[in-house]
Amino acid sequence: MKEFLGKQVTEEEHGMGIAYLLENNELFYDIGYKVMQNLEETYLLKCHRLKYNGKIKLVYFTKEYVTAETVLANATPEVKERMIARILDAFTQIINLGFLDIAYVDNRLDNIYVDPVTEEVKIIYLPIQIPGVTKNKNTFENELKAQFEMPNLTIPKAATQNPAVIENTETPKQLTIQSLDGRFVFHITDKDFVLGKSRDKVDGEITGNPAVSRVHCKILVRNRSYYIQDLGSSNGTFLNGKKVTMTEPLEIQDGSRIRIANLEFVARG
């Protein structure tokens, strides 16, 4: 067994995969776990939550994969370059999701996995929150540089062109969304805007409604346009009657109707 993230998490083998045993069940981040379960076609390995002697264990099945460490150790220069690019692209996709904390991405090469047939990269993300544990993009890059022995390595800012990761190029107009009962009005300009009921985790707080999740949805600002993205909410987000997912943000137009759980909003702008 190996300690990971100090003494808060213990890594161990688990039959057909790898497991992380939490020393304190309060470290488990339920919203992050739900976010992961709703993500499809991503670079994340699926996380399974189990209990062992009363403690939460996070299990990832890895038998069908090989570690990146093994692949790179035996690779030709051409294959090594291609695999490093794939690994960086995987991390870029995860970072660009915007709502997963990179402090809890296991970026050790022996815990990054590769499909030996397709060369698809799979990353382990732990849905946990540990007070005082933080990691910025520079620190994350430096850890990879040390492992790759590439001092000039940089994770790209964006690797795809879907609405969730397109770079802002101009200052957009203002979008206002207002609840039909007039209780809530939110103004969004040039930054992404998270909505929910957890005051310390959102930009727009929706109070007094238990149907709204702590971190419910996000308004994305991309290329002078606005999109809405669900963040794994319990009761859903809808745009003009269509359910919004985490992986396919929908564009908001002037007059669009937005439903957050059981609250109705109208968009203007």
C-alpha atoms as a PDB file:
ATOM      1  CA  MET A   1       0.000   0.000   0.000  1.00  0.00           C
ATOM      2  CA  LYS A   2       1.162   3.547  -0.760  1.00  0.00           C
ATOM      3  CA  GLU A   3       0.102   6.837   0.728  1.00  0.00           C
ATOM      4  CA  PHE A   4      -1.312   9.408  -1.672  1.00  0.00           C
ATOM      5  CA  LEU A   5      -2.092  13.036  -0.851  1.00  0.00           C
ATOM      6  CA  GLY A   6      -0.292  12.801   2.458  1.00  0.00           C
ATOM      7  CA  LYS A   7      -1.836  10.385   4.921  1.00  0.00           C
ATOM      8  CA  GLN A   8      -5.390  11.155   3.876  1.00  0.00           C
ATOM      9  CA  VAL A   9      -5.617   8.553   1.096  1.00  0.00           C
ATOM     10  CA  THR A  10      -4.036   5.106   0.810  1.00  0.00           C
ATOM     11  CA  GLU A  11      -3.486   3.518  -2.589  1.00  0.00           C
ATOM     12  CA  GLU A  12      -3.732  -0.259  -2.901  1.00  0.00           C
ATOM     13  CA  GLU A  13      -4.216  -2.977  -5.499  1.00  0.00           C
ATOM     14  CA  HIS A  14      -7.778  -4.190  -5.898  1.00  0.00           C
ATOM     15  CA  GLY A  15      -8.224  -7.366  -7.918  1.00  0.00           C
ATOM     16  CA  MET A  16      -8.651  -6.111 -11.476  1.00  0.00           C
ATOM     17  CA  GLY A  17      -7.676  -2.546 -10.747  1.00  0.00           C
ATOM     18  CA  ILE A  18      -6.469   0.056  -8.320  1.00  0.00           C
ATOM     19  CA  ALA A  19      -8.180   1.462  -5.234  1.00  0.00           C
ATOM     20  CA  TYR A  20      -7.857   4.508  -2.992  1.00  0.00           C
ATOM     21  CA  LEU A  21      -8.992   4.130   0.624  1.00  0.00           C
ATOM     22  CA  LEU A  22     -10.116   7.345   2.323  1.00  0.00           C
ATOM     23  CA  GLU A  23      -8.999   7.705   5.928  1.00  0.00           C
ATOM     24  CA  ASN A  24     -12.008   9.926   6.599  1.00  0.00           C
ATOM     25  CA  ASN A  25     -15.323   9.490   4.791  1.00  0.00           C
ATOM     26  CA  GLU A  26     -15.925  13.236   5.010  1.00  0.00           C
ATOM     27  CA  LEU A  27     -13.224  13.677   2.351  1.00  0.00           C
ATOM     28  CA  PHE A  28     -15.578  12.186  -0.232  1.00  0.00           C
ATOM     29  CA  TYR A  29     -17.010  14.854  -2.560  1.00  0.00           C
ATOM     30  CA  ASP A  30     -20.452  13.707  -3.648  1.00  0.00           C
ATOM     31  CA  ILE A  31     -20.919  16.418  -6.303  1.00  0.00           C
ATOM     32  CA  GLY A  32     -17.601  15.548  -7.928  1.00  0.00           C
ATOM     33  CA  TYR A  33     -18.573  11.878  -7.939  1.00  0.00           C
ATOM     34  CA  LYS A  34     -21.918  12.632  -9.603  1.00  0.00           C
ATOM     35  CA  VAL A  35     -20.163  14.811 -12.170  1.00  0.00           C
ATOM     36  CA  MET A  36     -17.884  11.907 -13.067  1.00  0.00           C
ATOM     37  CA  GLN A  37     -20.764   9.435 -13.389  1.00  0.00           C
ATOM     38  CA  ASN A  38     -22.514  11.700 -15.888  1.00  0.00           C
ATOM     39  CA  LEU A  39     -19.480  12.260 -18.081  1.00  0.00           C
ATOM     40  CA  GLU A  40     -19.302  10.100 -21.190  1.00  0.00           C
ATOM     41  CA  GLU A  41     -16.595   9.695 -23.813  1.00  0.00           C
ATOM     42  CA  THR A  42     -13.945  11.391 -21.721  1.00  0.00           C
ATOM     43  CA  TYR A  43     -10.432  10.525 -20.688  1.00  0.00           C
ATOM     44  CA  LEU A  44     -11.528   9.770 -17.119  1.00  0.00           C
ATOM     45  CA  LEU A  45     -11.472   6.220 -15.798  1.00  0.00           C
ATOM     46  CA  LYS A  46     -14.846   5.311 -14.312  1.00  0.00           C
ATOM     47  CA  CYS A  47     -14.862   5.565 -10.525  1.00  0.00           C
ATOM     48  CA  HIS A  48     -16.685   3.016  -8.345  1.00  0.00           C
ATOM     49  CA  ARG A  49     -17.468   3.841  -4.718  1.00  0.00           C
ATOM     50  CA  LEU A  50     -17.348   0.939  -2.267  1.00  0.00           C
ATOM     51  CA  LYS A  51     -17.188   0.545   1.508  1.00  0.00           C
ATOM     52  CA  TYR A  52     -14.412  -1.358   3.316  1.00  0.00           C
ATOM     53  CA  ASN A  53     -14.579  -1.690   7.105  1.00  0.00           C
ATOM     54  CA  GLY A  54     -16.817   1.361   7.147  1.00  0.00           C
ATOM     55  CA  LYS A  55     -14.416   3.456   5.068  1.00  0.00           C
ATOM     56  CA  ILE A  56     -15.050   4.675   1.528  1.00  0.00           C
ATOM     57  CA  LYS A  57     -12.907   3.035  -1.121  1.00  0.00           C
ATOM     58  CA  LEU A  58     -12.665   4.440  -4.665  1.00  0.00           C
ATOM     59  CA  VAL A  59     -12.008   1.682  -7.197  1.00  0.00           C
ATOM     60  CA  TYR A  60     -10.885   1.985 -10.837  1.00  0.00           C
ATOM     61  CA  PHE A  61     -10.723  -1.076 -13.096  1.00  0.00           C
ATOM     62  CA  THR A  62      -7.486  -1.063 -15.080  1.00  0.00           C
ATOM     63  CA  LYS A  63      -6.860  -4.675 -16.136  1.00  0.00           C
ATOM     64  CA  GLU A  64      -7.492  -3.972 -19.823  1.00  0.00           C
ATOM     65  CA  TYR A  65      -4.934  -1.153 -19.870  1.00  0.00           C
ATOM     66  CA  VAL A  66      -1.174  -0.751 -19.473  1.00  0.00           C
ATOM     67  CA  THR A  67       0.488   2.054 -17.557  1.00  0.00           C
ATOM     68  CA  ALA A  68       1.912   5.062 -19.369  1.00  0.00           C
ATOM     69  CA  GLU A  69       5.165   4.408 -17.523  1.00  0.00           C
ATOM     70  CA  THR A  70       5.428   0.979 -19.179  1.00  0.00           C
ATOM     71  CA  VAL A  71       4.515   2.298 -22.630  1.00  0.00           C
ATOM     72  CA  LEU A  72       7.028   5.149 -22.514  1.00  0.00           C
ATOM     73  CA  ALA A  73       9.823   2.975 -21.134  1.00  0.00           C
ATOM     74  CA  ASN A  74       9.661   0.671 -24.166  1.00  0.00           C
ATOM     75  CA  ALA A  75       8.672   3.184 -26.842  1.00  0.00           C
ATOM     76  CA  THR A  76      10.598   4.421 -29.845  1.00  0.00           C
ATOM     77  CA  PRO A  77      11.184   8.207 -29.931  1.00  0.00           C
ATOM     78  CA  GLU A  78       8.289   8.573 -32.386  1.00  0.00           C
ATOM     79  CA  VAL A  79       5.856   6.581 -30.239  1.00  0.00           C
ATOM     80  CA  LYS A  80       7.035   8.346 -27.085  1.00  0.00           C
ATOM     81  CA  GLU A  81       6.360  11.745 -28.648  1.00  0.00           C
ATOM     82  CA  ARG A  82       2.907  10.636 -29.768  1.00  0.00           C
ATOM     83  CA  MET A  83       2.030   9.195 -26.354  1.00  0.00           C
ATOM     84  CA  ILE A  84       3.158  12.302 -24.486  1.00  0.00           C
ATOM     85  CA  ALA A  85       0.980  14.391 -26.810  1.00  0.00           C
ATOM     86  CA  ARG A  86      -1.985  12.124 -26.058  1.00  0.00           C
ATOM     87  CA  ILE A  87      -1.386  12.358 -22.314  1.00  0.00           C
ATOM     88  CA  LEU A  88      -1.180  16.146 -22.480  1.00  0.00           C
ATOM     89  CA  ASP A  89      -4.367  16.244 -24.530  1.00  0.00           C
ATOM     90  CA  ALA A  90      -6.121  14.112 -21.911  1.00  0.00           C
ATOM     91  CA  PHE A  91      -5.101  16.478 -19.127  1.00  0.00           C
ATOM     92  CA  THR A  92      -6.129  19.459 -21.259  1.00  0.00           C
ATOM     93  CA  GLN A  93      -9.615  18.022 -21.718  1.00  0.00           C
ATOM     94  CA  ILE A  94      -9.996  17.466 -17.978  1.00  0.00           C
ATOM     95  CA  ILE A  95      -8.697  20.928 -17.061  1.00  0.00           C
ATOM     96  CA  ASN A  96     -11.001  22.518 -19.639  1.00  0.00           C
ATOM     97  CA  LEU A  97     -14.059  20.909 -18.071  1.00  0.00           C
ATOM     98  CA  GLY A  98     -13.642  23.647 -15.482  1.00  0.00           C
ATOM     99  CA  PHE A  99     -15.328  21.965 -12.535  1.00  0.00           C
ATOM    100  CA  LEU A 100     -12.844  19.230 -11.577  1.00  0.00           C
ATOM    101  CA  ASP A 101      -9.998  20.257  -9.260  1.00  0.00           C
ATOM    102  CA  ILE A 102      -6.638  19.198 -10.736  1.00  0.00           C
ATOM    103  CA  ALA A 103      -5.279  18.720  -7.213  1.00  0.00           C
ATOM    104  CA  TYR A 104      -7.123  15.394  -7.229  1.00  0.00           C
ATOM    105  CA  VAL A 105      -5.932  14.159 -10.614  1.00  0.00           C
ATOM    106  CA  ASP A 106      -3.408  11.343 -10.212  1.00  0.00           C
ATOM    107  CA  ASN A 107      -0.739  12.451 -12.686  1.00  0.00           C
ATOM    108  CA  ARG A 108       1.879   9.856 -11.755  1.00  0.00           C
ATOM    109  CA  LEU A 109       2.941   7.916 -14.848  1.00  0.00           C
ATOM    110  CA  ASP A 110       2.437   4.546 -13.169  1.00  0.00           C
ATOM    111  CA  ASN A 111      -1.184   5.530 -12.514  1.00  0.00           C
ATOM    112  CA  ILE A 112      -1.946   6.914 -15.979  1.00  0.00           C
ATOM    113  CA  TYR A 113      -3.332   4.189 -18.233  1.00  0.00           C
ATOM    114  CA  VAL A 114      -3.273   3.519 -21.972  1.00  0.00           C
ATOM    115  CA  ASP A 115      -5.394   1.234 -24.124  1.00  0.00           C
ATOM    116  CA  PRO A 116      -2.771  -0.957 -25.867  1.00  0.00           C
ATOM    117  CA  VAL A 117      -4.897  -1.210 -29.024  1.00  0.00           C
ATOM    118  CA  THR A 118      -6.249   2.308 -29.535  1.00  0.00           C
ATOM    119  CA  GLU A 119      -3.601   4.202 -27.500  1.00  0.00           C
ATOM    120  CA  GLU A 120      -6.458   6.037 -25.780  1.00  0.00           C
ATOM    121  CA  VAL A 121      -5.317   7.577 -22.498  1.00  0.00           C
ATOM    122  CA  LYS A 122      -7.288   7.119 -19.263  1.00  0.00           C
ATOM    123  CA  ILE A 123      -6.803   9.353 -16.226  1.00  0.00           C
ATOM    124  CA  ILE A 124      -7.725   8.718 -12.586  1.00  0.00           C
ATOM    125  CA  TYR A 125      -9.610  11.512 -10.839  1.00  0.00           C
ATOM    126  CA  LEU A 126     -10.499  11.217  -7.160  1.00  0.00           C
ATOM    127  CA  PRO A 127     -13.840  12.819  -6.183  1.00  0.00           C
ATOM    128  CA  ILE A 128     -12.598  14.127  -2.854  1.00  0.00           C
ATOM    129  CA  GLN A 129     -11.971  17.432  -1.112  1.00  0.00           C
ATOM    130  CA  ILE A 130      -9.145  17.860   1.388  1.00  0.00           C
ATOM    131  CA  PRO A 131      -8.883  21.166   3.286  1.00  0.00           C
ATOM    132  CA  GLY A 132      -5.656  22.973   2.435  1.00  0.00           C
ATOM    133  CA  VAL A 133      -4.810  20.806  -0.585  1.00  0.00           C
ATOM    134  CA  THR A 134      -4.472  22.937  -3.710  1.00  0.00           C
ATOM    135  CA  LYS A 135      -2.581  22.700  -6.982  1.00  0.00           C
ATOM    136  CA  ASN A 136      -2.380  25.212  -9.799  1.00  0.00           C
ATOM    137  CA  LYS A 137      -1.667  24.530 -13.466  1.00  0.00           C
ATOM    138  CA  ASN A 138       2.020  25.491 -13.139  1.00  0.00           C
ATOM    139  CA  THR A 139       2.595  23.023 -10.317  1.00  0.00           C
ATOM    140  CA  PHE A 140       0.762  20.357 -12.283  1.00  0.00           C
ATOM    141  CA  GLU A 141       2.942  21.013 -15.344  1.00  0.00           C
ATOM    142  CA  ASN A 142       6.143  20.929 -13.292  1.00  0.00           C
ATOM    143  CA  GLU A 143       5.248  17.506 -11.921  1.00  0.00           C
ATOM    144  CA  LEU A 144       4.809  16.220 -15.467  1.00  0.00           C
ATOM    145  CA  LYS A 145       8.036  17.862 -16.655  1.00  0.00           C
ATOM    146  CA  ALA A 146       9.980  16.041 -13.971  1.00  0.00           C
ATOM    147  CA  GLN A 147       8.524  12.682 -14.988  1.00  0.00           C
ATOM    148  CA  PHE A 148       8.921  13.220 -18.732  1.00  0.00           C
ATOM    149  CA  GLU A 149      12.328  14.872 -18.247  1.00  0.00           C
ATOM    150  CA  MET A 150      11.112  17.642 -20.549  1.00  0.00           C
ATOM    151  CA  PRO A 151      11.743  21.063 -18.946  1.00  0.00           C
ATOM    152  CA  ASN A 152       9.975  22.954 -21.761  1.00  0.00           C
ATOM    153  CA  LEU A 153       6.767  20.938 -21.651  1.00  0.00           C
ATOM    154  CA  THR A 154       3.525  22.962 -21.527  1.00  0.00           C
ATOM    155  CA  ILE A 155      -0.066  21.786 -21.345  1.00  0.00           C
ATOM    156  CA  PRO A 156      -1.995  23.464 -24.198  1.00  0.00           C
ATOM    157  CA  LYS A 157      -4.766  25.881 -23.290  1.00  0.00           C
ATOM    158  CA  ALA A 158      -7.302  24.144 -25.507  1.00  0.00           C
ATOM    159  CA  ALA A 159      -7.281  21.020 -27.607  1.00  0.00           C
ATOM    160  CA  THR A 160     -10.832  20.823 -28.964  1.00  0.00           C
ATOM    161  CA  GLN A 161     -13.336  23.197 -30.445  1.00  0.00           C
ATOM    162  CA  ASN A 162     -16.524  22.265 -28.616  1.00  0.00           C
ATOM    163  CA  PRO A 163     -18.442  25.056 -26.844  1.00  0.00           C
ATOM    164  CA  ALA A 164     -17.081  24.080 -23.440  1.00  0.00           C
ATOM    165  CA  VAL A 165     -13.461  24.857 -24.305  1.00  0.00           C
ATOM    166  CA  ILE A 166     -13.422  27.487 -27.076  1.00  0.00           C
ATOM    167  CA  GLU A 167     -11.159  30.382 -26.136  1.00  0.00           C
ATOM    168  CA  ASN A 168     -12.753  33.786 -25.623  1.00  0.00           C
ATOM    169  CA  THR A 169     -11.662  36.205 -28.328  1.00  0.00           C
ATOM    170  CA  GLU A 170     -13.900  39.228 -27.779  1.00  0.00           C
ATOM    171  CA  THR A 171     -15.755  40.861 -24.923  1.00  0.00           C
ATOM    172  CA  PRO A 172     -19.337  39.605 -25.109  1.00  0.00           C
ATOM    173  CA  LYS A 173     -22.521  41.508 -24.501  1.00  0.00           C
ATOM    174  CA  GLN A 174     -24.299  41.107 -21.182  1.00  0.00           C
ATOM    175  CA  LEU A 175     -26.756  38.304 -20.558  1.00  0.00           C
ATOM    176  CA  THR A 176     -29.432  38.620 -17.886  1.00  0.00           C
ATOM    177  CA  ILE A 177     -31.443  35.695 -16.596  1.00  0.00           C
ATOM    178  CA  GLN A 178     -34.408  36.380 -14.339  1.00  0.00           C
ATOM    179  CA  SER A 179     -36.758  34.012 -12.552  1.00  0.00           C
ATOM    180  CA  LEU A 180     -40.401  34.339 -13.552  1.00  0.00           C
ATOM    181  CA  ASP A 181     -41.367  35.124  -9.962  1.00  0.00           C
ATOM    182  CA  GLY A 182     -38.836  37.987  -9.932  1.00  0.00           C
ATOM    183  CA  ARG A 183     -36.921  36.673  -6.916  1.00  0.00           C
ATOM    184  CA  PHE A 184     -33.655  36.061  -8.735  1.00  0.00           C
ATOM    185  CA  VAL A 185     -31.838  38.170 -11.320  1.00  0.00           C
ATOM    186  CA  PHE A 186     -28.329  37.341 -12.517  1.00  0.00           C
ATOM    187  CA  HIS A 187     -26.119  39.368 -14.858  1.00  0.00           C
ATOM    188  CA  ILE A 188     -23.400  37.541 -16.807  1.00  0.00           C
ATOM    189  CA  THR A 189     -20.783  39.437 -18.815  1.00  0.00           C
ATOM    190  CA  ASP A 190     -17.386  38.058 -19.839  1.00  0.00           C
ATOM    191  CA  LYS A 191     -16.797  35.255 -17.324  1.00  0.00           C
ATOM    192  CA  ASP A 192     -18.324  31.839 -16.774  1.00  0.00           C
ATOM    193  CA  PHE A 193     -21.043  31.953 -14.127  1.00  0.00           C
ATOM    194  CA  VAL A 194     -21.949  29.053 -11.818  1.00  0.00           C
ATOM    195  CA  LEU A 195     -25.460  28.815 -10.356  1.00  0.00           C
ATOM    196  CA  GLY A 196     -26.551  26.830  -7.318  1.00  0.00           C
ATOM    197  CA  LYS A 197     -27.397  27.097  -3.647  1.00  0.00           C
ATOM    198  CA  SER A 198     -23.906  26.771  -2.110  1.00  0.00           C
ATOM    199  CA  ARG A 199     -22.849  30.348  -1.415  1.00  0.00           C
ATOM    200  CA  ASP A 200     -19.121  29.613  -1.286  1.00  0.00           C
ATOM    201  CA  LYS A 201     -19.072  27.571  -4.518  1.00  0.00           C
ATOM    202  CA  VAL A 202     -21.202  29.595  -6.936  1.00  0.00           C
ATOM    203  CA  ASP A 203     -21.373  33.019  -8.563  1.00  0.00           C
ATOM    204  CA  GLY A 204     -25.160  33.214  -8.461  1.00  0.00           C
ATOM    205  CA  GLU A 205     -26.806  31.891  -5.307  1.00  0.00           C
ATOM    206  CA  ILE A 206     -30.315  30.432  -5.497  1.00  0.00           C
ATOM    207  CA  THR A 207     -31.700  30.308  -1.979  1.00  0.00           C
ATOM    208  CA  GLY A 208     -34.704  28.720  -0.325  1.00  0.00           C
ATOM    209  CA  ASN A 209     -35.229  25.875  -2.778  1.00  0.00           C
ATOM    210  CA  PRO A 210     -34.131  22.344  -1.765  1.00  0.00           C
ATOM    211  CA  ALA A 211     -34.608  21.079  -5.334  1.00  0.00           C
ATOM    212  CA  VAL A 212     -31.632  23.153  -6.516  1.00  0.00           C
ATOM    213  CA  SER A 213     -28.250  21.441  -6.158  1.00  0.00           C
ATOM    214  CA  ARG A 214     -25.344  23.064  -4.355  1.00  0.00           C
ATOM    215  CA  VAL A 215     -23.498  23.451  -7.659  1.00  0.00           C
ATOM    216  CA  HIS A 216     -26.276  23.121 -10.218  1.00  0.00           C
ATOM    217  CA  CYS A 217     -25.291  24.533 -13.613  1.00  0.00           C
ATOM    218  CA  LYS A 218     -22.916  26.906 -15.360  1.00  0.00           C
ATOM    219  CA  ILE A 219     -23.333  29.669 -17.927  1.00  0.00           C
ATOM    220  CA  LEU A 220     -20.380  29.475 -20.327  1.00  0.00           C
ATOM    221  CA  VAL A 221     -19.154  32.580 -22.161  1.00  0.00           C
ATOM    222  CA  ARG A 222     -17.584  31.681 -25.501  1.00  0.00           C
ATOM    223  CA  ASN A 223     -16.904  33.859 -28.550  1.00  0.00           C
ATOM    224  CA  ARG A 224     -19.559  36.462 -27.727  1.00  0.00           C
ATOM    225  CA  SER A 225     -22.118  33.711 -27.147  1.00  0.00           C
ATOM    226  CA  TYR A 226     -23.571  32.079 -24.060  1.00  0.00           C
ATOM    227  CA  TYR A 227     -24.100  28.398 -23.356  1.00  0.00           C
ATOM    228  CA  ILE A 228     -25.594  26.535 -20.423  1.00  0.00           C
ATOM    229  CA  GLN A 229     -24.088  23.362 -18.984  1.00  0.00           C
ATOM    230  CA  ASP A 230     -25.437  21.120 -16.246  1.00  0.00           C
ATOM    231  CA  LEU A 231     -22.983  20.228 -13.468  1.00  0.00           C
ATOM    232  CA  GLY A 232     -24.377  16.887 -12.390  1.00  0.00           C
ATOM    233  CA  SER A 233     -27.420  18.336 -10.641  1.00  0.00           C
ATOM    234  CA  SER A 234     -29.979  16.067  -8.983  1.00  0.00           C
ATOM    235  CA  ASN A 235     -33.066  17.583 -10.622  1.00  0.00           C
ATOM    236  CA  GLY A 236     -31.711  18.697 -13.948  1.00  0.00           C
ATOM    237  CA  THR A 237     -31.283  21.819 -16.061  1.00  0.00           C
ATOM    238  CA  PHE A 238     -33.439  22.498 -19.128  1.00  0.00           C
ATOM    239  CA  LEU A 239     -33.221  24.980 -22.001  1.00  0.00           C
ATOM    240  CA  ASN A 240     -36.470  25.553 -23.896  1.00  0.00           C
ATOM    241  CA  GLY A 241     -37.697  22.188 -22.638  1.00  0.00           C
ATOM    242  CA  LYS A 242     -34.581  20.263 -23.668  1.00  0.00           C
ATOM    243  CA  LYS A 243     -32.495  18.643 -20.962  1.00  0.00           C
ATOM    244  CA  VAL A 244     -28.986  20.073 -20.682  1.00  0.00           C
ATOM    245  CA  THR A 245     -26.088  17.666 -20.135  1.00  0.00           C
ATOM    246  CA  MET A 246     -22.581  18.140 -18.815  1.00  0.00           C
ATOM    247  CA  THR A 247     -20.918  17.132 -22.062  1.00  0.00           C
ATOM    248  CA  GLU A 248     -23.085  19.053 -24.565  1.00  0.00           C
ATOM    249  CA  PRO A 249     -23.709  22.657 -23.504  1.00  0.00           C
ATOM    250  CA  LEU A 250     -26.639  24.339 -25.281  1.00  0.00           C
ATOM    251  CA  GLU A 251     -26.567  27.871 -26.665  1.00  0.00           C
ATOM    252  CA  ILE A 252     -28.748  30.475 -24.942  1.00  0.00           C
ATOM    253  CA  GLN A 253     -30.614  32.967 -27.131  1.00  0.00           C
ATOM    254  CA  ASP A 254     -32.523  36.119 -26.237  1.00  0.00           C
ATOM    255  CA  GLY A 255     -35.853  34.957 -24.859  1.00  0.00           C
ATOM    256  CA  SER A 256     -34.684  31.428 -24.058  1.00  0.00           C
ATOM    257  CA  ARG A 257     -36.501  29.716 -21.203  1.00  0.00           C
ATOM    258  CA  ILE A 258     -34.259  28.078 -18.628  1.00  0.00           C
ATOM    259  CA  ARG A 259     -35.462  25.687 -15.949  1.00  0.00           C
ATOM    260  CA  ILE A 260     -33.163  25.025 -13.004  1.00  0.00           C
ATOM    261  CA  ALA A 261     -34.735  22.145 -11.046  1.00  0.00           C
ATOM    262  CA  ASN A 262     -38.290  23.506 -10.614  1.00  0.00           C
ATOM    263  CA  LEU A 263     -37.471  27.206 -11.102  1.00  0.00           C
ATOM    264  CA  GLU A 264     -38.260  28.935 -14.393  1.00  0.00           C
ATOM    265  CA  PHE A 265     -36.020  31.696 -15.787  1.00  0.00           C
ATOM    266  CA  VAL A 266     -36.049  33.785 -18.942  1.00  0.00           C
ATOM    267  CA  ALA A 267     -32.871  34.980 -20.688  1.00  0.00           C
ATOM    268  CA  ARG A 268     -32.403  38.490 -22.063  1.00  0.00           C
ATOM    269  CA  GLY A 269     -29.397  39.766 -23.963  1.00  0.00           C
END
